[in-house]
Amino acid sequence: MADAPILGSTKKLKLDADVFGAEFNGPLVHEVVIAELAARRRGTHATRTRGLVRGGSAKPWRQKGTGRARQGTIRAPHFAGGGVVFGPQPRHYTVKVNRKARRAALRCALSIHADRESIFGLDVAAFDSPSTKQASDLIEDRRGGSVLIVLSGPDEVTAFKSFRNLAGVNVLAAADCGVADLVGAATVVFSSDALDAVTARAKKKEVAV
């Protein structure tokens, strides 16, 4: 496992061997990715049932004597404009995954990038002011696939503004970077503070004896 080179510099970021040297567990990563993507769904979809559709309080015609089937309301589901049967209603899609499993999956996703040498560092101090051109030049050799930029802290706002308008580039805070984001990126670029934050989140917790 090699250290991550910093873009536009000869320096490198040190990668924690416990976090970036884990063995890849495909089923575990898949489970956590599905849970993360499900949690992002808003679940605000809704349809109106026959009790919510406006109108139809009176019978459309009398019960007997017309030769037609008896009907109680024109807002029944089989009428045009009627309510929907078994339509979607607001719900949540949250799937529970243990924190230990989430940390292990995060280590797997980071380790696979480390093995592929697709992790890079970013010197945010190089951005005196927002510059999309400067940001584009830094990752020009990495534009063959999607690029994930992970930043942390208010001091990195200038770098955030520089990368956010580039096509194929996703900029996230370290706290918002999940396994699904890492798996979906061809290249991951960390600032020093963001790397420390993600590494701390992925580390195994010591068990008190």
N, C-alpha and C. Protein backbone atom coordinates (compact mmCIF):
# COMPACT_ATOMS: atom_id res chain seq x y z
N MET A 1 0.84 -1.20 0.00
CA MET A 1 0.00 0.00 0.00
C MET A 1 0.87 1.24 0.00
N ALA A 2 0.77 2.06 -1.04
CA ALA A 2 1.57 3.27 -1.14
C ALA A 2 0.82 4.44 -0.53
N ASP A 3 1.58 5.46 -0.12
CA ASP A 3 0.96 6.67 0.38
C ASP A 3 0.32 7.43 -0.77
N ALA A 4 -0.61 8.34 -0.44
CA ALA A 4 -1.35 9.07 -1.46
C ALA A 4 -0.57 10.31 -1.89
N PRO A 5 -0.23 10.44 -3.17
CA PRO A 5 0.46 11.64 -3.63
C PRO A 5 -0.47 12.85 -3.61
N ILE A 6 0.07 14.00 -3.28
CA ILE A 6 -0.71 15.24 -3.27
C ILE A 6 -0.66 15.85 -4.66
N LEU A 7 -1.81 16.19 -5.19
CA LEU A 7 -1.91 16.74 -6.54
C LEU A 7 -1.16 18.06 -6.63
N GLY A 8 -0.34 18.18 -7.65
CA GLY A 8 0.40 19.41 -7.85
C GLY A 8 1.56 19.59 -6.90
N SER A 9 2.01 18.51 -6.25
CA SER A 9 3.09 18.60 -5.28
C SER A 9 3.86 17.29 -5.26
N THR A 10 5.05 17.34 -4.71
CA THR A 10 5.85 16.13 -4.57
C THR A 10 5.63 15.46 -3.21
N LYS A 11 4.84 16.10 -2.36
CA LYS A 11 4.57 15.54 -1.03
C LYS A 11 3.52 14.44 -1.12
N LYS A 12 3.39 13.70 -0.03
CA LYS A 12 2.42 12.61 0.03
C LYS A 12 1.68 12.63 1.35
N LEU A 13 0.47 12.07 1.32
CA LEU A 13 -0.32 11.91 2.53
C LEU A 13 -0.14 10.49 3.07
N LYS A 14 0.10 10.38 4.35
CA LYS A 14 0.30 9.08 4.98
C LYS A 14 -1.04 8.38 5.13
N LEU A 15 -1.14 7.14 4.67
CA LEU A 15 -2.36 6.34 4.79
C LEU A 15 -2.22 5.34 5.92
N ASP A 16 -3.21 5.29 6.78
CA ASP A 16 -3.22 4.37 7.91
C ASP A 16 -3.37 2.93 7.40
N ALA A 17 -2.44 2.07 7.77
CA ALA A 17 -2.45 0.69 7.28
C ALA A 17 -3.66 -0.09 7.77
N ASP A 18 -4.16 0.22 8.98
CA ASP A 18 -5.32 -0.50 9.51
C ASP A 18 -6.59 -0.16 8.74
N VAL A 19 -6.67 1.05 8.20
CA VAL A 19 -7.87 1.49 7.49
C VAL A 19 -7.76 1.22 6.00
N PHE A 20 -6.59 1.46 5.42
CA PHE A 20 -6.43 1.37 3.97
C PHE A 20 -5.79 0.05 3.53
N GLY A 21 -5.65 -0.88 4.46
CA GLY A 21 -5.07 -2.18 4.11
C GLY A 21 -5.99 -3.33 4.45
N ALA A 22 -7.30 -3.06 4.55
CA ALA A 22 -8.25 -4.11 4.92
C ALA A 22 -8.58 -5.00 3.73
N GLU A 23 -8.98 -6.21 4.04
CA GLU A 23 -9.39 -7.16 2.99
C GLU A 23 -10.79 -6.81 2.51
N PHE A 24 -11.01 -6.86 1.20
CA PHE A 24 -12.29 -6.45 0.63
C PHE A 24 -13.36 -7.50 0.89
N ASN A 25 -14.52 -7.05 1.37
CA ASN A 25 -15.66 -7.92 1.64
C ASN A 25 -16.84 -7.43 0.81
N GLY A 26 -17.03 -8.04 -0.36
CA GLY A 26 -18.05 -7.60 -1.30
C GLY A 26 -19.46 -7.60 -0.75
N PRO A 27 -19.94 -8.70 -0.16
CA PRO A 27 -21.32 -8.72 0.37
C PRO A 27 -21.56 -7.66 1.44
N LEU A 28 -20.57 -7.41 2.29
CA LEU A 28 -20.73 -6.40 3.32
C LEU A 28 -20.83 -5.00 2.72
N VAL A 29 -19.98 -4.72 1.74
CA VAL A 29 -20.02 -3.41 1.07
C VAL A 29 -21.36 -3.23 0.37
N HIS A 30 -21.83 -4.29 -0.28
CA HIS A 30 -23.13 -4.22 -0.96
C HIS A 30 -24.25 -3.92 0.03
N GLU A 31 -24.23 -4.55 1.17
CA GLU A 31 -25.27 -4.33 2.18
C GLU A 31 -25.29 -2.88 2.65
N VAL A 32 -24.11 -2.33 2.90
CA VAL A 32 -24.03 -0.96 3.41
C VAL A 32 -24.40 0.04 2.32
N VAL A 33 -23.99 -0.22 1.08
CA VAL A 33 -24.35 0.69 -0.02
C VAL A 33 -25.86 0.73 -0.21
N ILE A 34 -26.51 -0.42 -0.18
CA ILE A 34 -27.97 -0.47 -0.31
C ILE A 34 -28.63 0.30 0.82
N ALA A 35 -28.11 0.16 2.04
CA ALA A 35 -28.68 0.87 3.18
C ALA A 35 -28.49 2.38 3.04
N GLU A 36 -27.32 2.82 2.58
CA GLU A 36 -27.07 4.25 2.42
C GLU A 36 -27.96 4.85 1.33
N LEU A 37 -28.08 4.17 0.21
CA LEU A 37 -28.91 4.68 -0.87
C LEU A 37 -30.39 4.71 -0.47
N ALA A 38 -30.83 3.71 0.30
CA ALA A 38 -32.21 3.68 0.77
C ALA A 38 -32.48 4.83 1.74
N ALA A 39 -31.51 5.14 2.58
CA ALA A 39 -31.69 6.21 3.56
C ALA A 39 -31.77 7.58 2.90
N ARG A 40 -31.27 7.71 1.67
CA ARG A 40 -31.32 8.99 0.97
C ARG A 40 -32.67 9.24 0.31
N ARG A 41 -33.50 8.23 0.23
CA ARG A 41 -34.83 8.41 -0.37
C ARG A 41 -35.72 9.21 0.58
N ARG A 42 -36.42 10.18 0.06
CA ARG A 42 -37.23 11.05 0.90
C ARG A 42 -38.52 10.36 1.35
N GLY A 43 -39.05 9.49 0.50
CA GLY A 43 -40.25 8.76 0.89
C GLY A 43 -41.48 9.63 1.04
N THR A 44 -41.57 10.74 0.29
CA THR A 44 -42.72 11.64 0.41
C THR A 44 -43.79 11.36 -0.65
N HIS A 45 -43.64 10.28 -1.41
CA HIS A 45 -44.62 9.97 -2.44
C HIS A 45 -45.97 9.63 -1.80
N ALA A 46 -47.05 10.02 -2.46
CA ALA A 46 -48.38 9.77 -1.91
C ALA A 46 -49.42 9.82 -3.02
N THR A 47 -50.47 9.02 -2.89
CA THR A 47 -51.62 9.08 -3.79
C THR A 47 -52.87 9.24 -2.94
N ARG A 48 -53.93 9.74 -3.56
CA ARG A 48 -55.18 9.95 -2.85
C ARG A 48 -56.07 8.71 -2.93
N THR A 49 -56.54 8.29 -1.79
CA THR A 49 -57.49 7.19 -1.75
C THR A 49 -58.89 7.73 -2.01
N ARG A 50 -59.87 6.87 -2.04
CA ARG A 50 -61.24 7.31 -2.32
C ARG A 50 -61.76 8.23 -1.22
N GLY A 51 -61.18 8.16 -0.05
CA GLY A 51 -61.60 9.04 1.03
C GLY A 51 -60.97 10.41 0.96
N LEU A 52 -59.94 10.58 0.13
CA LEU A 52 -59.25 11.86 0.02
C LEU A 52 -59.60 12.63 -1.24
N VAL A 53 -60.16 11.93 -2.25
CA VAL A 53 -60.51 12.60 -3.50
C VAL A 53 -61.73 13.48 -3.26
N ARG A 54 -61.70 14.67 -3.81
CA ARG A 54 -62.78 15.60 -3.60
C ARG A 54 -64.03 15.19 -4.39
N GLY A 55 -65.21 15.39 -3.77
CA GLY A 55 -66.48 15.14 -4.44
C GLY A 55 -66.95 13.71 -4.25
N GLY A 56 -68.09 13.41 -4.86
CA GLY A 56 -68.59 12.04 -4.82
C GLY A 56 -69.30 11.66 -3.55
N SER A 57 -69.78 12.65 -2.79
CA SER A 57 -70.45 12.31 -1.52
C SER A 57 -71.85 11.75 -1.75
N ALA A 58 -72.47 12.10 -2.87
CA ALA A 58 -73.82 11.60 -3.16
C ALA A 58 -73.75 10.43 -4.13
N LYS A 59 -74.77 9.57 -4.07
CA LYS A 59 -74.83 8.47 -5.03
C LYS A 59 -75.01 9.02 -6.43
N PRO A 60 -74.31 8.49 -7.44
CA PRO A 60 -74.44 9.02 -8.81
C PRO A 60 -75.83 8.77 -9.40
N TRP A 61 -76.51 7.72 -9.00
CA TRP A 61 -77.90 7.46 -9.39
C TRP A 61 -78.54 6.59 -8.31
N ARG A 62 -79.87 6.48 -8.41
CA ARG A 62 -80.59 5.77 -7.36
C ARG A 62 -80.22 4.28 -7.35
N GLN A 63 -80.50 3.66 -6.22
CA GLN A 63 -80.06 2.28 -6.00
C GLN A 63 -80.71 1.31 -6.98
N LYS A 64 -82.02 1.45 -7.23
CA LYS A 64 -82.74 0.47 -8.04
C LYS A 64 -83.49 1.17 -9.18
N GLY A 65 -83.79 0.41 -10.19
CA GLY A 65 -84.68 0.88 -11.23
C GLY A 65 -83.99 1.45 -12.47
N THR A 66 -82.67 1.60 -12.47
CA THR A 66 -82.00 2.17 -13.64
C THR A 66 -81.46 1.11 -14.58
N GLY A 67 -81.36 -0.12 -14.10
CA GLY A 67 -80.79 -1.19 -14.92
C GLY A 67 -79.28 -1.24 -14.86
N ARG A 68 -78.71 -0.28 -14.17
CA ARG A 68 -77.24 -0.26 -14.04
C ARG A 68 -76.82 -0.79 -12.68
N ALA A 69 -75.54 -1.12 -12.57
CA ALA A 69 -75.04 -1.62 -11.30
C ALA A 69 -75.12 -0.53 -10.25
N ARG A 70 -75.37 -0.93 -9.02
CA ARG A 70 -75.47 0.03 -7.95
C ARG A 70 -74.11 0.66 -7.66
N GLN A 71 -74.11 1.95 -7.41
CA GLN A 71 -72.88 2.69 -7.12
C GLN A 71 -73.14 3.63 -5.94
N GLY A 72 -72.12 3.76 -5.11
CA GLY A 72 -72.26 4.64 -3.95
C GLY A 72 -71.58 5.98 -4.12
N THR A 73 -70.57 6.05 -4.98
CA THR A 73 -69.83 7.29 -5.19
C THR A 73 -69.08 7.22 -6.52
N ILE A 74 -68.93 8.36 -7.16
CA ILE A 74 -68.16 8.40 -8.42
C ILE A 74 -66.66 8.50 -8.14
N ARG A 75 -66.28 8.55 -6.87
CA ARG A 75 -64.87 8.60 -6.51
C ARG A 75 -64.32 7.22 -6.13
N ALA A 76 -65.08 6.18 -6.42
CA ALA A 76 -64.58 4.82 -6.23
C ALA A 76 -63.45 4.56 -7.24
N PRO A 77 -62.56 3.65 -6.95
CA PRO A 77 -61.37 3.46 -7.81
C PRO A 77 -61.67 3.12 -9.26
N HIS A 78 -62.81 2.50 -9.55
CA HIS A 78 -63.08 2.10 -10.93
C HIS A 78 -63.67 3.23 -11.76
N PHE A 79 -63.90 4.40 -11.16
CA PHE A 79 -64.35 5.57 -11.91
C PHE A 79 -63.15 6.44 -12.28
N ALA A 80 -63.26 7.09 -13.47
CA ALA A 80 -62.22 8.06 -13.84
C ALA A 80 -62.21 9.20 -12.83
N GLY A 81 -61.04 9.52 -12.34
CA GLY A 81 -60.93 10.57 -11.32
C GLY A 81 -61.15 10.06 -9.91
N GLY A 82 -61.33 8.76 -9.79
CA GLY A 82 -61.54 8.19 -8.47
C GLY A 82 -60.24 7.98 -7.71
N GLY A 83 -60.35 7.46 -6.51
CA GLY A 83 -59.17 7.23 -5.68
C GLY A 83 -58.32 6.08 -6.19
N VAL A 84 -57.12 5.97 -5.64
CA VAL A 84 -56.16 4.93 -6.04
C VAL A 84 -56.15 3.84 -4.98
N VAL A 85 -56.19 2.60 -5.44
CA VAL A 85 -56.15 1.47 -4.52
C VAL A 85 -54.71 1.04 -4.29
N PHE A 86 -54.31 0.91 -3.06
CA PHE A 86 -52.98 0.42 -2.70
C PHE A 86 -51.85 1.26 -3.33
N GLY A 87 -52.08 2.55 -3.47
CA GLY A 87 -51.05 3.43 -4.02
C GLY A 87 -49.97 3.71 -2.99
N PRO A 88 -48.85 4.28 -3.43
CA PRO A 88 -47.77 4.59 -2.49
C PRO A 88 -48.18 5.64 -1.47
N GLN A 89 -47.72 5.48 -0.27
CA GLN A 89 -47.97 6.42 0.82
C GLN A 89 -46.64 6.81 1.47
N PRO A 90 -46.58 7.95 2.13
CA PRO A 90 -45.32 8.35 2.78
C PRO A 90 -44.78 7.27 3.71
N ARG A 91 -43.50 7.01 3.57
CA ARG A 91 -42.85 5.99 4.40
C ARG A 91 -41.36 6.25 4.42
N HIS A 92 -40.65 5.60 5.29
CA HIS A 92 -39.19 5.70 5.30
C HIS A 92 -38.60 4.39 4.81
N TYR A 93 -37.40 4.51 4.24
CA TYR A 93 -36.73 3.35 3.66
C TYR A 93 -35.49 2.94 4.45
N THR A 94 -35.40 3.41 5.67
CA THR A 94 -34.20 3.17 6.48
C THR A 94 -34.00 1.67 6.72
N VAL A 95 -32.78 1.23 6.48
CA VAL A 95 -32.39 -0.16 6.76
C VAL A 95 -31.30 -0.13 7.81
N LYS A 96 -31.49 -0.86 8.87
CA LYS A 96 -30.52 -0.83 9.97
C LYS A 96 -29.29 -1.66 9.62
N VAL A 97 -28.14 -1.04 9.80
CA VAL A 97 -26.86 -1.74 9.66
C VAL A 97 -26.01 -1.38 10.87
N ASN A 98 -25.44 -2.36 11.50
CA ASN A 98 -24.65 -2.11 12.70
C ASN A 98 -23.46 -1.19 12.41
N ARG A 99 -23.11 -0.38 13.40
CA ARG A 99 -21.99 0.55 13.23
C ARG A 99 -20.68 -0.18 12.95
N LYS A 100 -20.51 -1.33 13.56
CA LYS A 100 -19.31 -2.11 13.32
C LYS A 100 -19.23 -2.54 11.85
N ALA A 101 -20.37 -2.91 11.28
CA ALA A 101 -20.41 -3.31 9.87
C ALA A 101 -20.17 -2.10 8.97
N ARG A 102 -20.72 -0.94 9.34
CA ARG A 102 -20.51 0.27 8.54
C ARG A 102 -19.04 0.66 8.51
N ARG A 103 -18.38 0.58 9.65
CA ARG A 103 -16.95 0.92 9.71
C ARG A 103 -16.14 -0.07 8.87
N ALA A 104 -16.49 -1.34 8.96
CA ALA A 104 -15.76 -2.36 8.18
C ALA A 104 -15.95 -2.13 6.68
N ALA A 105 -17.16 -1.79 6.27
CA ALA A 105 -17.42 -1.53 4.85
C ALA A 105 -16.68 -0.28 4.38
N LEU A 106 -16.60 0.72 5.25
CA LEU A 106 -15.86 1.94 4.90
C LEU A 106 -14.38 1.62 4.71
N ARG A 107 -13.84 0.77 5.57
CA ARG A 107 -12.44 0.36 5.41
C ARG A 107 -12.24 -0.40 4.10
N CYS A 108 -13.20 -1.24 3.75
CA CYS A 108 -13.10 -2.00 2.49
C CYS A 108 -13.07 -1.06 1.28
N ALA A 109 -13.97 -0.06 1.29
CA ALA A 109 -14.04 0.87 0.16
C ALA A 109 -12.77 1.70 0.05
N LEU A 110 -12.23 2.13 1.18
CA LEU A 110 -10.99 2.90 1.16
C LEU A 110 -9.81 2.03 0.74
N SER A 111 -9.81 0.79 1.17
CA SER A 111 -8.69 -0.10 0.86
C SER A 111 -8.63 -0.44 -0.62
N ILE A 112 -9.79 -0.59 -1.24
CA ILE A 112 -9.78 -0.93 -2.67
C ILE A 112 -9.25 0.23 -3.50
N HIS A 113 -9.51 1.46 -3.04
CA HIS A 113 -8.95 2.63 -3.72
C HIS A 113 -7.44 2.70 -3.49
N ALA A 114 -7.02 2.33 -2.28
CA ALA A 114 -5.59 2.33 -1.99
C ALA A 114 -4.86 1.29 -2.84
N ASP A 115 -5.47 0.12 -3.01
CA ASP A 115 -4.87 -0.92 -3.84
C ASP A 115 -4.76 -0.48 -5.30
N ARG A 116 -5.73 0.26 -5.75
CA ARG A 116 -5.74 0.71 -7.15
C ARG A 116 -4.95 2.01 -7.34
N GLU A 117 -4.43 2.54 -6.23
CA GLU A 117 -3.69 3.80 -6.25
C GLU A 117 -4.53 4.93 -6.87
N SER A 118 -5.79 4.96 -6.49
CA SER A 118 -6.70 6.00 -6.98
C SER A 118 -7.05 6.99 -5.89
N ILE A 119 -6.26 7.04 -4.82
CA ILE A 119 -6.44 8.03 -3.75
C ILE A 119 -5.35 9.08 -3.88
N PHE A 120 -5.75 10.35 -3.80
CA PHE A 120 -4.82 11.46 -3.92
C PHE A 120 -5.10 12.48 -2.82
N GLY A 121 -4.08 13.27 -2.53
CA GLY A 121 -4.22 14.34 -1.55
C GLY A 121 -4.44 15.67 -2.25
N LEU A 122 -4.90 16.64 -1.48
CA LEU A 122 -5.16 17.98 -2.01
C LEU A 122 -4.65 19.02 -1.02
N ASP A 123 -3.83 19.94 -1.52
CA ASP A 123 -3.34 21.04 -0.70
C ASP A 123 -4.31 22.21 -0.85
N VAL A 124 -5.20 22.36 0.13
CA VAL A 124 -6.22 23.42 0.03
C VAL A 124 -5.62 24.80 0.20
N ALA A 125 -4.42 24.89 0.79
CA ALA A 125 -3.78 26.19 0.97
C ALA A 125 -3.36 26.81 -0.35
N ALA A 126 -3.32 26.00 -1.41
CA ALA A 126 -2.92 26.52 -2.72
C ALA A 126 -4.02 27.37 -3.36
N PHE A 127 -5.24 27.29 -2.82
CA PHE A 127 -6.35 28.06 -3.37
C PHE A 127 -6.52 29.36 -2.57
N ASP A 128 -5.93 30.44 -3.09
CA ASP A 128 -6.09 31.73 -2.43
C ASP A 128 -7.48 32.29 -2.64
N SER A 129 -8.06 32.00 -3.79
CA SER A 129 -9.41 32.43 -4.13
C SER A 129 -10.03 31.34 -4.99
N PRO A 130 -11.37 31.30 -5.09
CA PRO A 130 -12.01 30.26 -5.91
C PRO A 130 -11.54 30.34 -7.37
N SER A 131 -11.09 29.21 -7.90
CA SER A 131 -10.60 29.16 -9.27
C SER A 131 -10.94 27.79 -9.87
N THR A 132 -11.96 27.76 -10.73
CA THR A 132 -12.34 26.52 -11.37
C THR A 132 -11.25 26.02 -12.31
N LYS A 133 -10.56 26.95 -12.96
CA LYS A 133 -9.48 26.57 -13.88
C LYS A 133 -8.34 25.89 -13.12
N GLN A 134 -7.98 26.44 -11.98
CA GLN A 134 -6.92 25.83 -11.17
C GLN A 134 -7.33 24.44 -10.71
N ALA A 135 -8.58 24.29 -10.31
CA ALA A 135 -9.07 22.98 -9.87
C ALA A 135 -9.08 21.99 -11.02
N SER A 136 -9.51 22.47 -12.20
CA SER A 136 -9.56 21.59 -13.37
C SER A 136 -8.17 21.13 -13.78
N ASP A 137 -7.20 22.01 -13.70
CA ASP A 137 -5.82 21.65 -14.07
C ASP A 137 -5.25 20.59 -13.12
N LEU A 138 -5.64 20.66 -11.85
CA LEU A 138 -5.10 19.71 -10.87
C LEU A 138 -5.56 18.28 -11.15
N ILE A 139 -6.80 18.13 -11.57
CA ILE A 139 -7.33 16.78 -11.77
C ILE A 139 -7.49 16.44 -13.25
N GLU A 140 -6.79 17.16 -14.11
CA GLU A 140 -6.92 16.94 -15.54
C GLU A 140 -6.61 15.50 -15.94
N ASP A 141 -5.59 14.91 -15.31
CA ASP A 141 -5.20 13.54 -15.65
C ASP A 141 -6.14 12.50 -15.04
N ARG A 142 -7.05 12.94 -14.19
CA ARG A 142 -7.95 12.02 -13.49
C ARG A 142 -9.37 12.10 -14.01
N ARG A 143 -9.60 12.80 -15.13
CA ARG A 143 -10.97 13.05 -15.60
C ARG A 143 -11.53 11.91 -16.44
N GLY A 144 -10.87 10.78 -16.46
CA GLY A 144 -11.39 9.65 -17.22
C GLY A 144 -12.62 9.02 -16.60
N GLY A 145 -12.84 9.26 -15.32
CA GLY A 145 -14.01 8.74 -14.60
C GLY A 145 -14.47 9.75 -13.59
N SER A 146 -15.44 9.38 -12.79
CA SER A 146 -15.97 10.29 -11.79
C SER A 146 -14.92 10.54 -10.70
N VAL A 147 -14.87 11.78 -10.23
CA VAL A 147 -13.90 12.18 -9.22
C VAL A 147 -14.66 12.65 -7.98
N LEU A 148 -14.26 12.14 -6.83
CA LEU A 148 -14.85 12.53 -5.56
C LEU A 148 -13.85 13.37 -4.78
N ILE A 149 -14.23 14.59 -4.45
CA ILE A 149 -13.39 15.49 -3.66
C ILE A 149 -13.97 15.53 -2.25
N VAL A 150 -13.17 15.17 -1.26
CA VAL A 150 -13.63 15.15 0.12
C VAL A 150 -12.88 16.23 0.89
N LEU A 151 -13.65 17.17 1.44
CA LEU A 151 -13.07 18.30 2.16
C LEU A 151 -13.63 18.32 3.58
N SER A 152 -13.00 19.14 4.42
CA SER A 152 -13.44 19.23 5.81
C SER A 152 -13.09 20.59 6.38
N GLY A 153 -14.05 21.17 7.10
CA GLY A 153 -13.78 22.41 7.82
C GLY A 153 -14.08 23.66 7.02
N PRO A 154 -14.35 24.77 7.71
CA PRO A 154 -14.68 26.03 7.04
C PRO A 154 -13.50 26.64 6.28
N ASP A 155 -12.29 26.24 6.62
CA ASP A 155 -11.12 26.79 5.95
C ASP A 155 -10.98 26.29 4.51
N GLU A 156 -11.79 25.31 4.12
CA GLU A 156 -11.66 24.70 2.80
C GLU A 156 -12.81 25.10 1.87
N VAL A 157 -13.50 26.18 2.22
CA VAL A 157 -14.62 26.65 1.41
C VAL A 157 -14.13 27.10 0.03
N THR A 158 -12.96 27.72 -0.02
CA THR A 158 -12.42 28.20 -1.30
C THR A 158 -12.19 27.03 -2.25
N ALA A 159 -11.63 25.95 -1.74
CA ALA A 159 -11.42 24.77 -2.58
C ALA A 159 -12.76 24.16 -3.00
N PHE A 160 -13.73 24.17 -2.09
CA PHE A 160 -15.06 23.64 -2.42
C PHE A 160 -15.67 24.40 -3.59
N LYS A 161 -15.59 25.72 -3.55
CA LYS A 161 -16.14 26.54 -4.63
C LYS A 161 -15.38 26.33 -5.94
N SER A 162 -14.13 25.97 -5.85
CA SER A 162 -13.32 25.78 -7.05
C SER A 162 -13.69 24.50 -7.79
N PHE A 163 -14.05 23.45 -7.05
CA PHE A 163 -14.32 22.15 -7.67
C PHE A 163 -15.79 21.90 -7.97
N ARG A 164 -16.69 22.62 -7.34
CA ARG A 164 -18.10 22.23 -7.39
C ARG A 164 -18.75 22.36 -8.76
N ASN A 165 -18.21 23.20 -9.64
CA ASN A 165 -18.82 23.40 -10.94
C ASN A 165 -18.25 22.51 -12.04
N LEU A 166 -17.31 21.66 -11.71
CA LEU A 166 -16.69 20.80 -12.71
C LEU A 166 -17.57 19.58 -12.99
N ALA A 167 -17.73 19.27 -14.28
CA ALA A 167 -18.53 18.11 -14.67
C ALA A 167 -17.83 16.82 -14.24
N GLY A 168 -18.62 15.88 -13.73
CA GLY A 168 -18.07 14.60 -13.31
C GLY A 168 -17.33 14.64 -11.99
N VAL A 169 -17.45 15.77 -11.27
CA VAL A 169 -16.76 15.92 -9.99
C VAL A 169 -17.81 16.12 -8.90
N ASN A 170 -17.72 15.33 -7.86
CA ASN A 170 -18.63 15.44 -6.71
C ASN A 170 -17.83 15.88 -5.50
N VAL A 171 -18.26 16.97 -4.86
CA VAL A 171 -17.56 17.52 -3.71
C VAL A 171 -18.40 17.28 -2.46
N LEU A 172 -17.83 16.64 -1.46
CA LEU A 172 -18.54 16.32 -0.23
C LEU A 172 -17.72 16.70 0.99
N ALA A 173 -18.42 16.96 2.07
CA ALA A 173 -17.76 17.12 3.36
C ALA A 173 -17.38 15.74 3.88
N ALA A 174 -16.37 15.69 4.72
CA ALA A 174 -15.89 14.40 5.23
C ALA A 174 -16.99 13.67 6.00
N ALA A 175 -17.83 14.42 6.70
CA ALA A 175 -18.90 13.80 7.48
C ALA A 175 -19.98 13.19 6.58
N ASP A 176 -20.09 13.67 5.34
CA ASP A 176 -21.13 13.19 4.42
C ASP A 176 -20.61 12.12 3.46
N CYS A 177 -19.34 11.81 3.53
CA CYS A 177 -18.76 10.83 2.61
C CYS A 177 -19.07 9.42 3.10
N GLY A 178 -19.82 8.69 2.30
CA GLY A 178 -20.21 7.34 2.67
C GLY A 178 -19.60 6.29 1.77
N VAL A 179 -19.92 5.05 2.05
CA VAL A 179 -19.39 3.93 1.27
C VAL A 179 -19.90 4.00 -0.17
N ALA A 180 -21.16 4.38 -0.35
CA ALA A 180 -21.73 4.46 -1.69
C ALA A 180 -21.01 5.50 -2.54
N ASP A 181 -20.61 6.62 -1.91
CA ASP A 181 -19.88 7.66 -2.64
C ASP A 181 -18.50 7.17 -3.06
N LEU A 182 -17.84 6.44 -2.18
CA LEU A 182 -16.50 5.94 -2.48
C LEU A 182 -16.54 4.86 -3.56
N VAL A 183 -17.53 3.98 -3.47
CA VAL A 183 -17.64 2.90 -4.45
C VAL A 183 -17.95 3.45 -5.84
N GLY A 184 -18.73 4.53 -5.89
CA GLY A 184 -19.12 5.08 -7.17
C GLY A 184 -18.10 6.00 -7.82
N ALA A 185 -16.99 6.26 -7.15
CA ALA A 185 -15.98 7.17 -7.68
C ALA A 185 -14.80 6.40 -8.24
N ALA A 186 -14.29 6.88 -9.36
CA ALA A 186 -13.09 6.27 -9.94
C ALA A 186 -11.83 6.80 -9.26
N THR A 187 -11.89 8.05 -8.79
CA THR A 187 -10.76 8.69 -8.12
C THR A 187 -11.27 9.43 -6.90
N VAL A 188 -10.55 9.33 -5.80
CA VAL A 188 -10.92 10.02 -4.57
C VAL A 188 -9.79 10.95 -4.18
N VAL A 189 -10.13 12.21 -3.89
CA VAL A 189 -9.14 13.21 -3.51
C VAL A 189 -9.51 13.74 -2.12
N PHE A 190 -8.58 13.62 -1.17
CA PHE A 190 -8.81 14.05 0.20
C PHE A 190 -7.93 15.26 0.53
N SER A 191 -8.50 16.20 1.26
CA SER A 191 -7.64 17.17 1.92
C SER A 191 -7.06 16.48 3.16
N SER A 192 -6.06 17.08 3.76
CA SER A 192 -5.41 16.44 4.91
C SER A 192 -6.38 16.27 6.07
N ASP A 193 -7.15 17.32 6.38
CA ASP A 193 -8.11 17.24 7.48
C ASP A 193 -9.22 16.24 7.18
N ALA A 194 -9.68 16.21 5.93
CA ALA A 194 -10.73 15.27 5.56
C ALA A 194 -10.25 13.83 5.67
N LEU A 195 -9.01 13.58 5.28
CA LEU A 195 -8.46 12.23 5.39
C LEU A 195 -8.40 11.80 6.85
N ASP A 196 -7.98 12.70 7.73
CA ASP A 196 -7.93 12.37 9.16
C ASP A 196 -9.33 12.08 9.69
N ALA A 197 -10.33 12.85 9.25
CA ALA A 197 -11.69 12.65 9.74
C ALA A 197 -12.27 11.32 9.28
N VAL A 198 -12.07 10.99 8.01
CA VAL A 198 -12.60 9.73 7.48
C VAL A 198 -11.85 8.55 8.08
N THR A 199 -10.55 8.69 8.25
CA THR A 199 -9.76 7.61 8.86
C THR A 199 -10.21 7.34 10.29
N ALA A 200 -10.48 8.41 11.06
CA ALA A 200 -10.95 8.26 12.43
C ALA A 200 -12.32 7.57 12.47
N ARG A 201 -13.15 7.88 11.50
CA ARG A 201 -14.49 7.26 11.45
C ARG A 201 -14.41 5.79 11.07
N ALA A 202 -13.41 5.41 10.29
CA ALA A 202 -13.31 4.04 9.81
C ALA A 202 -12.50 3.13 10.73
N LYS A 203 -11.78 3.72 11.67
CA LYS A 203 -10.93 2.91 12.54
C LYS A 203 -11.75 1.97 13.42
N LYS A 204 -11.17 0.82 13.71
CA LYS A 204 -11.81 -0.11 14.64
C LYS A 204 -11.81 0.50 16.03
N LYS A 205 -12.92 0.38 16.72
CA LYS A 205 -13.01 0.88 18.09
C LYS A 205 -12.42 -0.13 19.05
N GLU A 206 -11.60 0.39 19.96
CA GLU A 206 -11.01 -0.51 20.95
C GLU A 206 -12.05 -0.95 21.97
N VAL A 207 -12.05 -2.23 22.31
CA VAL A 207 -13.00 -2.76 23.27
C VAL A 207 -12.39 -2.74 24.65
N ALA A 208 -13.10 -2.10 25.57
CA ALA A 208 -12.61 -2.01 26.96
C ALA A 208 -12.73 -3.37 27.62
N VAL A 209 -11.69 -3.73 28.36
CA VAL A 209 -11.68 -5.03 29.06
C VAL A 209 -11.91 -4.80 30.55
